[in-house]
Amino acid sequence: VNCMCMMVTGNHNVLITNPRDINGFVKELQRWQFSAFLGLNTLFVALMAHPQFKKIDFSRLKGTNSGGTALVSAVAERWKGMTGCTVVEGYGLTETSPVVCANPHGDHSRLGTVGLPVPGTVVK
């Protein structure tokens, strides 16, 4: 779904086919000037531990979204310190919908919450 959303909105999408290959992942990130990043807590930790991570150009990074598992506040704070970009959390079920709830980007984001229902979604 992420690939489709990026293409429909006219963006370029880089698909990392093996996210467990952190060396390869970092090399791909170094090749692109990206404006958005989607990941989960364990991926953020692994990437930030890589010695080449600090050399990636994050100057165009405008949004980082986290899902799949709870985001640890220390990880989110470290990510922001290293990239300059706040991580926002969301919630969804891959098998039913890509996103049900998401935190807004900016000052209204609340770490430790899944955010608000996305427009057109009813949550009971």
PDB file of N, CA and C in Angstrom:
ATOM      1  N   VAL A   1       0.831  -1.180   0.000  1.00  0.00           N
ATOM      2  CA  VAL A   1       0.000   0.000   0.000  1.00  0.00           C
ATOM      3  C   VAL A   1       0.878   1.247   0.000  1.00  0.00           C
ATOM      4  N   ASN A   2       1.976   1.210   0.756  1.00  0.00           N
ATOM      5  CA  ASN A   2       2.883   2.359   0.786  1.00  0.00           C
ATOM      6  C   ASN A   2       3.363   2.697  -0.614  1.00  0.00           C
ATOM      7  N   CYS A   3       3.744   1.697  -1.382  1.00  0.00           N
ATOM      8  CA  CYS A   3       4.218   1.934  -2.753  1.00  0.00           C
ATOM      9  C   CYS A   3       3.141   2.611  -3.582  1.00  0.00           C
ATOM     10  N   MET A   4       1.914   2.136  -3.475  1.00  0.00           N
ATOM     11  CA  MET A   4       0.822   2.704  -4.255  1.00  0.00           C
ATOM     12  C   MET A   4       0.556   4.154  -3.856  1.00  0.00           C
ATOM     13  N   CYS A   5       0.524   4.427  -2.554  1.00  0.00           N
ATOM     14  CA  CYS A   5       0.274   5.802  -2.088  1.00  0.00           C
ATOM     15  C   CYS A   5       1.337   6.751  -2.611  1.00  0.00           C
ATOM     16  N   MET A   6       2.581   6.325  -2.589  1.00  0.00           N
ATOM     17  CA  MET A   6       3.666   7.182  -3.073  1.00  0.00           C
ATOM     18  C   MET A   6       3.520   7.453  -4.566  1.00  0.00           C
ATOM     19  N   MET A   7       3.218   6.417  -5.328  1.00  0.00           N
ATOM     20  CA  MET A   7       3.103   6.588  -6.778  1.00  0.00           C
ATOM     21  C   MET A   7       1.897   7.453  -7.150  1.00  0.00           C
ATOM     22  N   VAL A   8       0.768   7.240  -6.473  1.00  0.00           N
ATOM     23  CA  VAL A   8      -0.445   7.993  -6.774  1.00  0.00           C
ATOM     24  C   VAL A   8      -0.242   9.481  -6.507  1.00  0.00           C
ATOM     25  N   THR A   9       0.555   9.811  -5.509  1.00  0.00           N
ATOM     26  CA  THR A   9       0.784  11.218  -5.162  1.00  0.00           C
ATOM     27  C   THR A   9       1.978  11.812  -5.898  1.00  0.00           C
ATOM     28  N   GLY A  10       2.545  11.070  -6.838  1.00  0.00           N
ATOM     29  CA  GLY A  10       3.628  11.591  -7.662  1.00  0.00           C
ATOM     30  C   GLY A  10       4.994  11.545  -7.018  1.00  0.00           C
ATOM     31  N   ASN A  11       5.146  10.745  -5.996  1.00  0.00           N
ATOM     32  CA  ASN A  11       6.428  10.629  -5.315  1.00  0.00           C
ATOM     33  C   ASN A  11       7.222   9.441  -5.829  1.00  0.00           C
ATOM     34  N   HIS A  12       8.473   9.444  -5.508  1.00  0.00           N
ATOM     35  CA  HIS A  12       9.367   8.335  -5.824  1.00  0.00           C
ATOM     36  C   HIS A  12       9.448   7.471  -4.575  1.00  0.00           C
ATOM     37  N   ASN A  13       9.342   6.172  -4.713  1.00  0.00           N
ATOM     38  CA  ASN A  13       9.379   5.267  -3.576  1.00  0.00           C
ATOM     39  C   ASN A  13      10.580   4.348  -3.699  1.00  0.00           C
ATOM     40  N   VAL A  14      11.339   4.221  -2.630  1.00  0.00           N
ATOM     41  CA  VAL A  14      12.474   3.296  -2.593  1.00  0.00           C
ATOM     42  C   VAL A  14      12.068   2.132  -1.704  1.00  0.00           C
ATOM     43  N   LEU A  15      11.985   0.957  -2.282  1.00  0.00           N
ATOM     44  CA  LEU A  15      11.606  -0.236  -1.537  1.00  0.00           C
ATOM     45  C   LEU A  15      12.866  -0.992  -1.142  1.00  0.00           C
ATOM     46  N   ILE A  16      13.070  -1.179   0.136  1.00  0.00           N
ATOM     47  CA  ILE A  16      14.192  -1.961   0.649  1.00  0.00           C
ATOM     48  C   ILE A  16      13.680  -3.390   0.794  1.00  0.00           C
ATOM     49  N   THR A  17      14.151  -4.276  -0.059  1.00  0.00           N
ATOM     50  CA  THR A  17      13.604  -5.635  -0.089  1.00  0.00           C
ATOM     51  C   THR A  17      14.067  -6.501   1.072  1.00  0.00           C
ATOM     52  N   ASN A  18      15.213  -6.185   1.664  1.00  0.00           N
ATOM     53  CA  ASN A  18      15.691  -6.946   2.815  1.00  0.00           C
ATOM     54  C   ASN A  18      16.093  -5.978   3.922  1.00  0.00           C
ATOM     55  N   PRO A  19      15.139  -5.527   4.722  1.00  0.00           N
ATOM     56  CA  PRO A  19      15.465  -4.550   5.762  1.00  0.00           C
ATOM     57  C   PRO A  19      16.355  -5.095   6.874  1.00  0.00           C
ATOM     58  N   ARG A  20      16.561  -6.402   6.917  1.00  0.00           N
ATOM     59  CA  ARG A  20      17.464  -6.973   7.923  1.00  0.00           C
ATOM     60  C   ARG A  20      18.934  -6.797   7.532  1.00  0.00           C
ATOM     61  N   ASP A  21      19.183  -6.502   6.265  1.00  0.00           N
ATOM     62  CA  ASP A  21      20.539  -6.217   5.790  1.00  0.00           C
ATOM     63  C   ASP A  21      20.815  -4.736   6.053  1.00  0.00           C
ATOM     64  N   ILE A  22      21.238  -4.425   7.266  1.00  0.00           N
ATOM     65  CA  ILE A  22      21.408  -3.026   7.672  1.00  0.00           C
ATOM     66  C   ILE A  22      22.505  -2.345   6.859  1.00  0.00           C
ATOM     67  N   ASN A  23      23.578  -3.059   6.529  1.00  0.00           N
ATOM     68  CA  ASN A  23      24.626  -2.466   5.681  1.00  0.00           C
ATOM     69  C   ASN A  23      24.047  -2.037   4.334  1.00  0.00           C
ATOM     70  N   GLY A  24      23.301  -2.927   3.706  1.00  0.00           N
ATOM     71  CA  GLY A  24      22.677  -2.619   2.425  1.00  0.00           C
ATOM     72  C   GLY A  24      21.645  -1.510   2.551  1.00  0.00           C
ATOM     73  N   PHE A  25      20.907  -1.513   3.647  1.00  0.00           N
ATOM     74  CA  PHE A  25      19.887  -0.498   3.893  1.00  0.00           C
ATOM     75  C   PHE A  25      20.532   0.888   3.964  1.00  0.00           C
ATOM     76  N   VAL A  26      21.599   1.004   4.743  1.00  0.00           N
ATOM     77  CA  VAL A  26      22.285   2.288   4.896  1.00  0.00           C
ATOM     78  C   VAL A  26      22.871   2.741   3.560  1.00  0.00           C
ATOM     79  N   LYS A  27      23.429   1.815   2.798  1.00  0.00           N
ATOM     80  CA  LYS A  27      23.971   2.170   1.471  1.00  0.00           C
ATOM     81  C   LYS A  27      22.878   2.728   0.565  1.00  0.00           C
ATOM     82  N   GLU A  28      21.696   2.135   0.597  1.00  0.00           N
ATOM     83  CA  GLU A  28      20.582   2.647  -0.211  1.00  0.00           C
ATOM     84  C   GLU A  28      20.164   4.037   0.257  1.00  0.00           C
ATOM     85  N   LEU A  29      20.084   4.230   1.561  1.00  0.00           N
ATOM     86  CA  LEU A  29      19.699   5.543   2.081  1.00  0.00           C
ATOM     87  C   LEU A  29      20.699   6.618   1.657  1.00  0.00           C
ATOM     88  N   GLN A  30      21.971   6.249   1.561  1.00  0.00           N
ATOM     89  CA  GLN A  30      22.998   7.209   1.146  1.00  0.00           C
ATOM     90  C   GLN A  30      22.853   7.599  -0.323  1.00  0.00           C
ATOM     91  N   ARG A  31      22.200   6.771  -1.110  1.00  0.00           N
ATOM     92  CA  ARG A  31      22.039   7.031  -2.547  1.00  0.00           C
ATOM     93  C   ARG A  31      20.914   8.011  -2.863  1.00  0.00           C
ATOM     94  N   TRP A  32      19.985   8.195  -1.953  1.00  0.00           N
ATOM     95  CA  TRP A  32      18.775   8.957  -2.249  1.00  0.00           C
ATOM     96  C   TRP A  32      18.630  10.162  -1.334  1.00  0.00           C
ATOM     97  N   GLN A  33      17.998  11.208  -1.837  1.00  0.00           N
ATOM     98  CA  GLN A  33      17.587  12.335  -1.002  1.00  0.00           C
ATOM     99  C   GLN A  33      16.097  12.138  -0.753  1.00  0.00           C
ATOM    100  N   PHE A  34      15.768  11.623   0.398  1.00  0.00           N
ATOM    101  CA  PHE A  34      14.388  11.242   0.689  1.00  0.00           C
ATOM    102  C   PHE A  34      13.738  12.241   1.634  1.00  0.00           C
ATOM    103  N   SER A  35      12.416  12.363   1.509  1.00  0.00           N
ATOM    104  CA  SER A  35      11.681  13.323   2.330  1.00  0.00           C
ATOM    105  C   SER A  35      10.773  12.651   3.363  1.00  0.00           C
ATOM    106  N   ALA A  36      10.577  11.353   3.249  1.00  0.00           N
ATOM    107  CA  ALA A  36       9.739  10.623   4.199  1.00  0.00           C
ATOM    108  C   ALA A  36      10.374   9.274   4.484  1.00  0.00           C
ATOM    109  N   PHE A  37      10.128   8.770   5.686  1.00  0.00           N
ATOM    110  CA  PHE A  37      10.686   7.483   6.079  1.00  0.00           C
ATOM    111  C   PHE A  37       9.648   6.757   6.917  1.00  0.00           C
ATOM    112  N   LEU A  38       9.434   5.494   6.613  1.00  0.00           N
ATOM    113  CA  LEU A  38       8.510   4.652   7.368  1.00  0.00           C
ATOM    114  C   LEU A  38       9.299   3.512   7.989  1.00  0.00           C
ATOM    115  N   GLY A  39       9.083   3.257   9.269  1.00  0.00           N
ATOM    116  CA  GLY A  39       9.820   2.182   9.923  1.00  0.00           C
ATOM    117  C   GLY A  39       9.165   1.767  11.218  1.00  0.00           C
ATOM    118  N   LEU A  40       9.906   0.989  11.986  1.00  0.00           N
ATOM    119  CA  LEU A  40       9.448   0.572  13.292  1.00  0.00           C
ATOM    120  C   LEU A  40      10.608   0.631  14.267  1.00  0.00           C
ATOM    121  N   ASN A  41      10.314   0.553  15.539  1.00  0.00           N
ATOM    122  CA  ASN A  41      11.292   0.778  16.592  1.00  0.00           C
ATOM    123  C   ASN A  41      12.582  -0.016  16.385  1.00  0.00           C
ATOM    124  N   THR A  42      12.483  -1.318  16.133  1.00  0.00           N
ATOM    125  CA  THR A  42      13.696  -2.136  15.990  1.00  0.00           C
ATOM    126  C   THR A  42      14.536  -1.702  14.789  1.00  0.00           C
ATOM    127  N   LEU A  43      13.902  -1.262  13.724  1.00  0.00           N
ATOM    128  CA  LEU A  43      14.637  -0.782  12.556  1.00  0.00           C
ATOM    129  C   LEU A  43      15.357   0.524  12.877  1.00  0.00           C
ATOM    130  N   PHE A  44      14.682   1.444  13.556  1.00  0.00           N
ATOM    131  CA  PHE A  44      15.323   2.705  13.935  1.00  0.00           C
ATOM    132  C   PHE A  44      16.574   2.434  14.776  1.00  0.00           C
ATOM    133  N   VAL A  45      16.466   1.518  15.745  1.00  0.00           N
ATOM    134  CA  VAL A  45      17.601   1.182  16.619  1.00  0.00           C
ATOM    135  C   VAL A  45      18.758   0.628  15.799  1.00  0.00           C
ATOM    136  N   ALA A  46      18.474  -0.323  14.919  1.00  0.00           N
ATOM    137  CA  ALA A  46      19.527  -0.944  14.111  1.00  0.00           C
ATOM    138  C   ALA A  46      20.200   0.068  13.185  1.00  0.00           C
ATOM    139  N   LEU A  47      19.421   0.917  12.549  1.00  0.00           N
ATOM    140  CA  LEU A  47      19.997   1.918  11.650  1.00  0.00           C
ATOM    141  C   LEU A  47      20.879   2.900  12.408  1.00  0.00           C
ATOM    142  N   MET A  48      20.404   3.393  13.543  1.00  0.00           N
ATOM    143  CA  MET A  48      21.173   4.388  14.296  1.00  0.00           C
ATOM    144  C   MET A  48      22.455   3.813  14.876  1.00  0.00           C
ATOM    145  N   ALA A  49      22.507   2.490  15.053  1.00  0.00           N
ATOM    146  CA  ALA A  49      23.717   1.843  15.569  1.00  0.00           C
ATOM    147  C   ALA A  49      24.784   1.662  14.490  1.00  0.00           C
ATOM    148  N   HIS A  50      24.402   1.793  13.231  1.00  0.00           N
ATOM    149  CA  HIS A  50      25.352   1.603  12.126  1.00  0.00           C
ATOM    150  C   HIS A  50      26.300   2.800  12.052  1.00  0.00           C
ATOM    151  N   PRO A  51      27.608   2.554  11.926  1.00  0.00           N
ATOM    152  CA  PRO A  51      28.575   3.661  11.923  1.00  0.00           C
ATOM    153  C   PRO A  51      28.410   4.649  10.765  1.00  0.00           C
ATOM    154  N   GLN A  52      27.845   4.231   9.646  1.00  0.00           N
ATOM    155  CA  GLN A  52      27.677   5.118   8.494  1.00  0.00           C
ATOM    156  C   GLN A  52      26.374   5.923   8.532  1.00  0.00           C
ATOM    157  N   PHE A  53      25.502   5.607   9.494  1.00  0.00           N
ATOM    158  CA  PHE A  53      24.202   6.276   9.562  1.00  0.00           C
ATOM    159  C   PHE A  53      24.347   7.787   9.703  1.00  0.00           C
ATOM    160  N   LYS A  54      25.320   8.226  10.478  1.00  0.00           N
ATOM    161  CA  LYS A  54      25.514   9.662  10.724  1.00  0.00           C
ATOM    162  C   LYS A  54      25.914  10.419   9.462  1.00  0.00           C
ATOM    163  N   LYS A  55      26.369   9.698   8.439  1.00  0.00           N
ATOM    164  CA  LYS A  55      26.821  10.341   7.200  1.00  0.00           C
ATOM    165  C   LYS A  55      25.706  10.509   6.167  1.00  0.00           C
ATOM    166  N   ILE A  56      24.520  10.008   6.471  1.00  0.00           N
ATOM    167  CA  ILE A  56      23.391  10.123   5.547  1.00  0.00           C
ATOM    168  C   ILE A  56      22.893  11.567   5.538  1.00  0.00           C
ATOM    169  N   ASP A  57      22.506  12.043   4.369  1.00  0.00           N
ATOM    170  CA  ASP A  57      21.967  13.397   4.222  1.00  0.00           C
ATOM    171  C   ASP A  57      20.475  13.387   4.560  1.00  0.00           C
ATOM    172  N   PHE A  58      20.126  13.974   5.685  1.00  0.00           N
ATOM    173  CA  PHE A  58      18.732  14.041   6.129  1.00  0.00           C
ATOM    174  C   PHE A  58      18.118  15.414   5.880  1.00  0.00           C
ATOM    175  N   SER A  59      18.770  16.238   5.094  1.00  0.00           N
ATOM    176  CA  SER A  59      18.324  17.623   4.916  1.00  0.00           C
ATOM    177  C   SER A  59      16.932  17.743   4.293  1.00  0.00           C
ATOM    178  N   ARG A  60      16.496  16.745   3.563  1.00  0.00           N
ATOM    179  CA  ARG A  60      15.157  16.796   2.946  1.00  0.00           C
ATOM    180  C   ARG A  60      14.110  15.996   3.713  1.00  0.00           C
ATOM    181  N   LEU A  61      14.511  15.333   4.783  1.00  0.00           N
ATOM    182  CA  LEU A  61      13.578  14.504   5.546  1.00  0.00           C
ATOM    183  C   LEU A  61      12.565  15.384   6.269  1.00  0.00           C
ATOM    184  N   LYS A  62      11.306  15.225   5.908  1.00  0.00           N
ATOM    185  CA  LYS A  62      10.218  16.036   6.472  1.00  0.00           C
ATOM    186  C   LYS A  62       9.321  15.248   7.417  1.00  0.00           C
ATOM    187  N   GLY A  63       9.263  13.932   7.251  1.00  0.00           N
ATOM    188  CA  GLY A  63       8.373  13.133   8.080  1.00  0.00           C
ATOM    189  C   GLY A  63       8.885  11.728   8.280  1.00  0.00           C
ATOM    190  N   THR A  64       8.799  11.252   9.518  1.00  0.00           N
ATOM    191  CA  THR A  64       9.131   9.870   9.839  1.00  0.00           C
ATOM    192  C   THR A  64       7.932   9.278  10.562  1.00  0.00           C
ATOM    193  N   ASN A  65       7.445   8.162  10.063  1.00  0.00           N
ATOM    194  CA  ASN A  65       6.305   7.486  10.671  1.00  0.00           C
ATOM    195  C   ASN A  65       6.741   6.139  11.213  1.00  0.00           C
ATOM    196  N   SER A  66       6.148   5.758  12.344  1.00  0.00           N
ATOM    197  CA  SER A  66       6.446   4.486  12.981  1.00  0.00           C
ATOM    198  C   SER A  66       5.154   3.707  13.161  1.00  0.00           C
ATOM    199  N   GLY A  67       5.241   2.409  12.962  1.00  0.00           N
ATOM    200  CA  GLY A  67       4.097   1.529  13.164  1.00  0.00           C
ATOM    201  C   GLY A  67       4.588   0.116  13.385  1.00  0.00           C
ATOM    202  N   GLY A  68       3.683  -0.799  13.555  1.00  0.00           N
ATOM    203  CA  GLY A  68       4.047  -2.205  13.689  1.00  0.00           C
ATOM    204  C   GLY A  68       4.336  -2.640  15.106  1.00  0.00           C
ATOM    205  N   THR A  69       4.780  -1.732  15.934  1.00  0.00           N
ATOM    206  CA  THR A  69       5.069  -2.003  17.337  1.00  0.00           C
ATOM    207  C   THR A  69       5.193  -0.664  18.053  1.00  0.00           C
ATOM    208  N   ALA A  70       5.157  -0.698  19.364  1.00  0.00           N
ATOM    209  CA  ALA A  70       5.264   0.549  20.129  1.00  0.00           C
ATOM    210  C   ALA A  70       6.624   1.202  19.903  1.00  0.00           C
ATOM    211  N   LEU A  71       6.622   2.500  19.841  1.00  0.00           N
ATOM    212  CA  LEU A  71       7.846   3.275  19.681  1.00  0.00           C
ATOM    213  C   LEU A  71       8.354   3.684  21.061  1.00  0.00           C
ATOM    214  N   VAL A  72       9.586   3.329  21.371  1.00  0.00           N
ATOM    215  CA  VAL A  72      10.199   3.675  22.654  1.00  0.00           C
ATOM    216  C   VAL A  72      10.619   5.146  22.609  1.00  0.00           C
ATOM    217  N   SER A  73      10.271   5.900  23.644  1.00  0.00           N
ATOM    218  CA  SER A  73      10.531   7.343  23.624  1.00  0.00           C
ATOM    219  C   SER A  73      12.014   7.668  23.470  1.00  0.00           C
ATOM    220  N   ALA A  74      12.901   6.897  24.086  1.00  0.00           N
ATOM    221  CA  ALA A  74      14.343   7.155  23.946  1.00  0.00           C
ATOM    222  C   ALA A  74      14.795   6.972  22.501  1.00  0.00           C
ATOM    223  N   VAL A  75      14.209   6.019  21.802  1.00  0.00           N
ATOM    224  CA  VAL A  75      14.536   5.789  20.389  1.00  0.00           C
ATOM    225  C   VAL A  75      14.040   6.961  19.552  1.00  0.00           C
ATOM    226  N   ALA A  76      12.822   7.413  19.806  1.00  0.00           N
ATOM    227  CA  ALA A  76      12.265   8.550  19.065  1.00  0.00           C
ATOM    228  C   ALA A  76      13.095   9.811  19.294  1.00  0.00           C
ATOM    229  N   GLU A  77      13.516  10.034  20.520  1.00  0.00           N
ATOM    230  CA  GLU A  77      14.329  11.213  20.833  1.00  0.00           C
ATOM    231  C   GLU A  77      15.696  11.134  20.157  1.00  0.00           C
ATOM    232  N   ARG A  78      16.296   9.961  20.165  1.00  0.00           N
ATOM    233  CA  ARG A  78      17.598   9.787  19.509  1.00  0.00           C
ATOM    234  C   ARG A  78      17.466   9.984  18.001  1.00  0.00           C
ATOM    235  N   TRP A  79      16.400   9.434  17.403  1.00  0.00           N
ATOM    236  CA  TRP A  79      16.155   9.610  15.966  1.00  0.00           C
ATOM    237  C   TRP A  79      16.062  11.098  15.622  1.00  0.00           C
ATOM    238  N   LYS A  80      15.293  11.832  16.421  1.00  0.00           N
ATOM    239  CA  LYS A  80      15.151  13.264  16.160  1.00  0.00           C
ATOM    240  C   LYS A  80      16.501  13.969  16.281  1.00  0.00           C
ATOM    241  N   GLY A  81      17.284  13.589  17.268  1.00  0.00           N
ATOM    242  CA  GLY A  81      18.596  14.192  17.441  1.00  0.00           C
ATOM    243  C   GLY A  81      19.538  13.910  16.283  1.00  0.00           C
ATOM    244  N   MET A  82      19.436  12.719  15.699  1.00  0.00           N
ATOM    245  CA  MET A  82      20.339  12.331  14.611  1.00  0.00           C
ATOM    246  C   MET A  82      19.861  12.794  13.243  1.00  0.00           C
ATOM    247  N   THR A  83      18.555  12.877  13.058  1.00  0.00           N
ATOM    248  CA  THR A  83      18.018  13.202  11.730  1.00  0.00           C
ATOM    249  C   THR A  83      17.400  14.596  11.658  1.00  0.00           C
ATOM    250  N   GLY A  84      17.048  15.148  12.810  1.00  0.00           N
ATOM    251  CA  GLY A  84      16.353  16.428  12.839  1.00  0.00           C
ATOM    252  C   GLY A  84      14.862  16.305  12.597  1.00  0.00           C
ATOM    253  N   CYS A  85      14.357  15.087  12.552  1.00  0.00           N
ATOM    254  CA  CYS A  85      12.957  14.835  12.217  1.00  0.00           C
ATOM    255  C   CYS A  85      12.260  14.066  13.340  1.00  0.00           C
ATOM    256  N   THR A  86      11.103  14.545  13.746  1.00  0.00           N
ATOM    257  CA  THR A  86      10.302  13.880  14.766  1.00  0.00           C
ATOM    258  C   THR A  86       9.648  12.628  14.188  1.00  0.00           C
ATOM    259  N   VAL A  87       9.593  11.574  14.996  1.00  0.00           N
ATOM    260  CA  VAL A  87       8.895  10.347  14.601  1.00  0.00           C
ATOM    261  C   VAL A  87       7.477  10.421  15.140  1.00  0.00           C
ATOM    262  N   VAL A  88       6.492  10.149  14.293  1.00  0.00           N
ATOM    263  CA  VAL A  88       5.107  10.081  14.753  1.00  0.00           C
ATOM    264  C   VAL A  88       4.603   8.651  14.612  1.00  0.00           C
ATOM    265  N   GLU A  89       3.784   8.260  15.568  1.00  0.00           N
ATOM    266  CA  GLU A  89       3.250   6.901  15.589  1.00  0.00           C
ATOM    267  C   GLU A  89       1.874   6.837  14.954  1.00  0.00           C
ATOM    268  N   GLY A  90       1.544   5.645  14.509  1.00  0.00           N
ATOM    269  CA  GLY A  90       0.226   5.400  13.956  1.00  0.00           C
ATOM    270  C   GLY A  90      -0.190   3.976  14.243  1.00  0.00           C
ATOM    271  N   TYR A  91      -1.385   3.636  13.823  1.00  0.00           N
ATOM    272  CA  TYR A  91      -1.907   2.292  14.022  1.00  0.00           C
ATOM    273  C   TYR A  91      -2.718   1.889  12.809  1.00  0.00           C
ATOM    274  N   GLY A  92      -2.561   0.651  12.414  1.00  0.00           N
ATOM    275  CA  GLY A  92      -3.349   0.103  11.319  1.00  0.00           C
ATOM    276  C   GLY A  92      -3.154  -1.397  11.267  1.00  0.00           C
ATOM    277  N   LEU A  93      -3.950  -2.063  10.477  1.00  0.00           N
ATOM    278  CA  LEU A  93      -3.816  -3.501  10.277  1.00  0.00           C
ATOM    279  C   LEU A  93      -3.528  -3.746   8.805  1.00  0.00           C
ATOM    280  N   THR A  94      -2.385  -4.328   8.529  1.00  0.00           N
ATOM    281  CA  THR A  94      -1.973  -4.560   7.151  1.00  0.00           C
ATOM    282  C   THR A  94      -3.046  -5.289   6.360  1.00  0.00           C
ATOM    283  N   GLU A  95      -3.679  -6.271   7.001  1.00  0.00           N
ATOM    284  CA  GLU A  95      -4.636  -7.096   6.280  1.00  0.00           C
ATOM    285  C   GLU A  95      -5.995  -6.426   6.090  1.00  0.00           C
ATOM    286  N   THR A  96      -6.228  -5.284   6.723  1.00  0.00           N
ATOM    287  CA  THR A  96      -7.524  -4.628   6.576  1.00  0.00           C
ATOM    288  C   THR A  96      -7.437  -3.200   6.054  1.00  0.00           C
ATOM    289  N   SER A  97      -6.417  -2.495   6.436  1.00  0.00           N
ATOM    290  CA  SER A  97      -6.279  -1.089   6.054  1.00  0.00           C
ATOM    291  C   SER A  97      -4.859  -0.642   6.373  1.00  0.00           C
ATOM    292  N   PRO A  98      -4.302   0.247   5.578  1.00  0.00           N
ATOM    293  CA  PRO A  98      -2.931   0.652   5.879  1.00  0.00           C
ATOM    294  C   PRO A  98      -2.823   1.468   7.163  1.00  0.00           C
ATOM    295  N   VAL A  99      -3.740   2.383   7.394  1.00  0.00           N
ATOM    296  CA  VAL A  99      -3.675   3.237   8.580  1.00  0.00           C
ATOM    297  C   VAL A  99      -5.089   3.475   9.096  1.00  0.00           C
ATOM    298  N   VAL A 100      -5.261   3.315  10.394  1.00  0.00           N
ATOM    299  CA  VAL A 100      -6.530   3.618  11.041  1.00  0.00           C
ATOM    300  C   VAL A 100      -6.398   4.923  11.822  1.00  0.00           C
ATOM    301  N   CYS A 101      -5.313   5.034  12.575  1.00  0.00           N
ATOM    302  CA  CYS A 101      -5.041   6.224  13.378  1.00  0.00           C
ATOM    303  C   CYS A 101      -3.615   6.683  13.123  1.00  0.00           C
ATOM    304  N   ALA A 102      -3.398   7.971  13.253  1.00  0.00           N
ATOM    305  CA  ALA A 102      -2.048   8.509  13.095  1.00  0.00           C
ATOM    306  C   ALA A 102      -1.928   9.804  13.876  1.00  0.00           C
ATOM    307  N   ASN A 103      -0.752  10.030  14.395  1.00  0.00           N
ATOM    308  CA  ASN A 103      -0.460  11.297  15.042  1.00  0.00           C
ATOM    309  C   ASN A 103      -0.205  12.337  13.975  1.00  0.00           C
ATOM    310  N   PRO A 104      -0.618  13.559  14.218  1.00  0.00           N
ATOM    311  CA  PRO A 104      -0.290  14.622  13.259  1.00  0.00           C
ATOM    312  C   PRO A 104       1.195  14.959  13.365  1.00  0.00           C
ATOM    313  N   HIS A 105       1.773  15.412  12.284  1.00  0.00           N
ATOM    314  CA  HIS A 105       3.160  15.858  12.324  1.00  0.00           C
ATOM    315  C   HIS A 105       3.205  17.216  13.005  1.00  0.00           C
ATOM    316  N   GLY A 106       4.296  17.498  13.665  1.00  0.00           N
ATOM    317  CA  GLY A 106       4.456  18.799  14.300  1.00  0.00           C
ATOM    318  C   GLY A 106       4.219  18.754  15.793  1.00  0.00           C
ATOM    319  N   ASP A 107       3.878  19.903  16.340  1.00  0.00           N
ATOM    320  CA  ASP A 107       3.753  20.068  17.786  1.00  0.00           C
ATOM    321  C   ASP A 107       2.577  19.323  18.406  1.00  0.00           C
ATOM    322  N   HIS A 108       1.607  18.898  17.618  1.00  0.00           N
ATOM    323  CA  HIS A 108       0.428  18.230  18.161  1.00  0.00           C
ATOM    324  C   HIS A 108       0.606  16.718  18.292  1.00  0.00           C
ATOM    325  N   SER A 109       1.746  16.186  17.887  1.00  0.00           N
ATOM    326  CA  SER A 109       2.030  14.762  17.999  1.00  0.00           C
ATOM    327  C   SER A 109       2.296  14.410  19.463  1.00  0.00           C
ATOM    328  N   ARG A 110       1.741  13.276  19.902  1.00  0.00           N
ATOM    329  CA  ARG A 110       1.948  12.830  21.280  1.00  0.00           C
ATOM    330  C   ARG A 110       2.594  11.460  21.274  1.00  0.00           C
ATOM    331  N   LEU A 111       3.857  11.409  21.668  1.00  0.00           N
ATOM    332  CA  LEU A 111       4.601  10.161  21.737  1.00  0.00           C
ATOM    333  C   LEU A 111       3.924   9.205  22.711  1.00  0.00           C
ATOM    334  N   GLY A 112       3.836   7.941  22.339  1.00  0.00           N
ATOM    335  CA  GLY A 112       3.208   6.940  23.184  1.00  0.00           C
ATOM    336  C   GLY A 112       1.733   6.740  22.896  1.00  0.00           C
ATOM    337  N   THR A 113       1.220   7.448  21.892  1.00  0.00           N
ATOM    338  CA  THR A 113      -0.178   7.275  21.496  1.00  0.00           C
ATOM    339  C   THR A 113      -0.229   6.930  20.009  1.00  0.00           C
ATOM    340  N   VAL A 114      -1.330   6.359  19.568  1.00  0.00           N
ATOM    341  CA  VAL A 114      -1.484   6.048  18.142  1.00  0.00           C
ATOM    342  C   VAL A 114      -2.095   7.205  17.375  1.00  0.00           C
ATOM    343  N   GLY A 115      -2.475   8.257  18.073  1.00  0.00           N
ATOM    344  CA  GLY A 115      -2.996   9.434  17.390  1.00  0.00           C
ATOM    345  C   GLY A 115      -4.498   9.410  17.215  1.00  0.00           C
ATOM    346  N   LEU A 116      -4.925  10.134  16.207  1.00  0.00           N
ATOM    347  CA  LEU A 116      -6.346  10.324  15.924  1.00  0.00           C
ATOM    348  C   LEU A 116      -6.775   9.491  14.721  1.00  0.00           C
ATOM    349  N   PRO A 117      -8.060   9.127  14.646  1.00  0.00           N
ATOM    350  CA  PRO A 117      -8.529   8.419  13.450  1.00  0.00           C
ATOM    351  C   PRO A 117      -8.294   9.269  12.201  1.00  0.00           C
ATOM    352  N   VAL A 118      -7.850   8.630  11.136  1.00  0.00           N
ATOM    353  CA  VAL A 118      -7.652   9.359   9.882  1.00  0.00           C
ATOM    354  C   VAL A 118      -9.022   9.742   9.322  1.00  0.00           C
ATOM    355  N   PRO A 119      -9.100  10.813   8.539  1.00  0.00           N
ATOM    356  CA  PRO A 119     -10.386  11.242   7.981  1.00  0.00           C
ATOM    357  C   PRO A 119     -11.111  10.102   7.262  1.00  0.00           C
ATOM    358  N   GLY A 120     -12.408  10.011   7.498  1.00  0.00           N
ATOM    359  CA  GLY A 120     -13.223   8.980   6.872  1.00  0.00           C
ATOM    360  C   GLY A 120     -13.200   7.653   7.612  1.00  0.00           C
ATOM    361  N   THR A 121     -12.586   7.631   8.801  1.00  0.00           N
ATOM    362  CA  THR A 121     -12.472   6.402   9.584  1.00  0.00           C
ATOM    363  C   THR A 121     -13.223   6.566  10.898  1.00  0.00           C
ATOM    364  N   VAL A 122     -14.010   5.567  11.260  1.00  0.00           N
ATOM    365  CA  VAL A 122     -14.721   5.567  12.531  1.00  0.00           C
ATOM    366  C   VAL A 122     -14.087   4.504  13.416  1.00  0.00           C
ATOM    367  N   VAL A 123     -13.722   4.892  14.620  1.00  0.00           N
ATOM    368  CA  VAL A 123     -13.109   3.966  15.573  1.00  0.00           C
ATOM    369  C   VAL A 123     -14.035   3.839  16.771  1.00  0.00           C
ATOM    370  N   LYS A 124     -14.344   2.599  17.141  1.00  0.00           N
ATOM    371  CA  LYS A 124     -15.220   2.366  18.306  1.00  0.00           C
ATOM    372  C   LYS A 124     -14.422   1.742  19.421  1.00  0.00           C
TER     373      LYS A 124
END
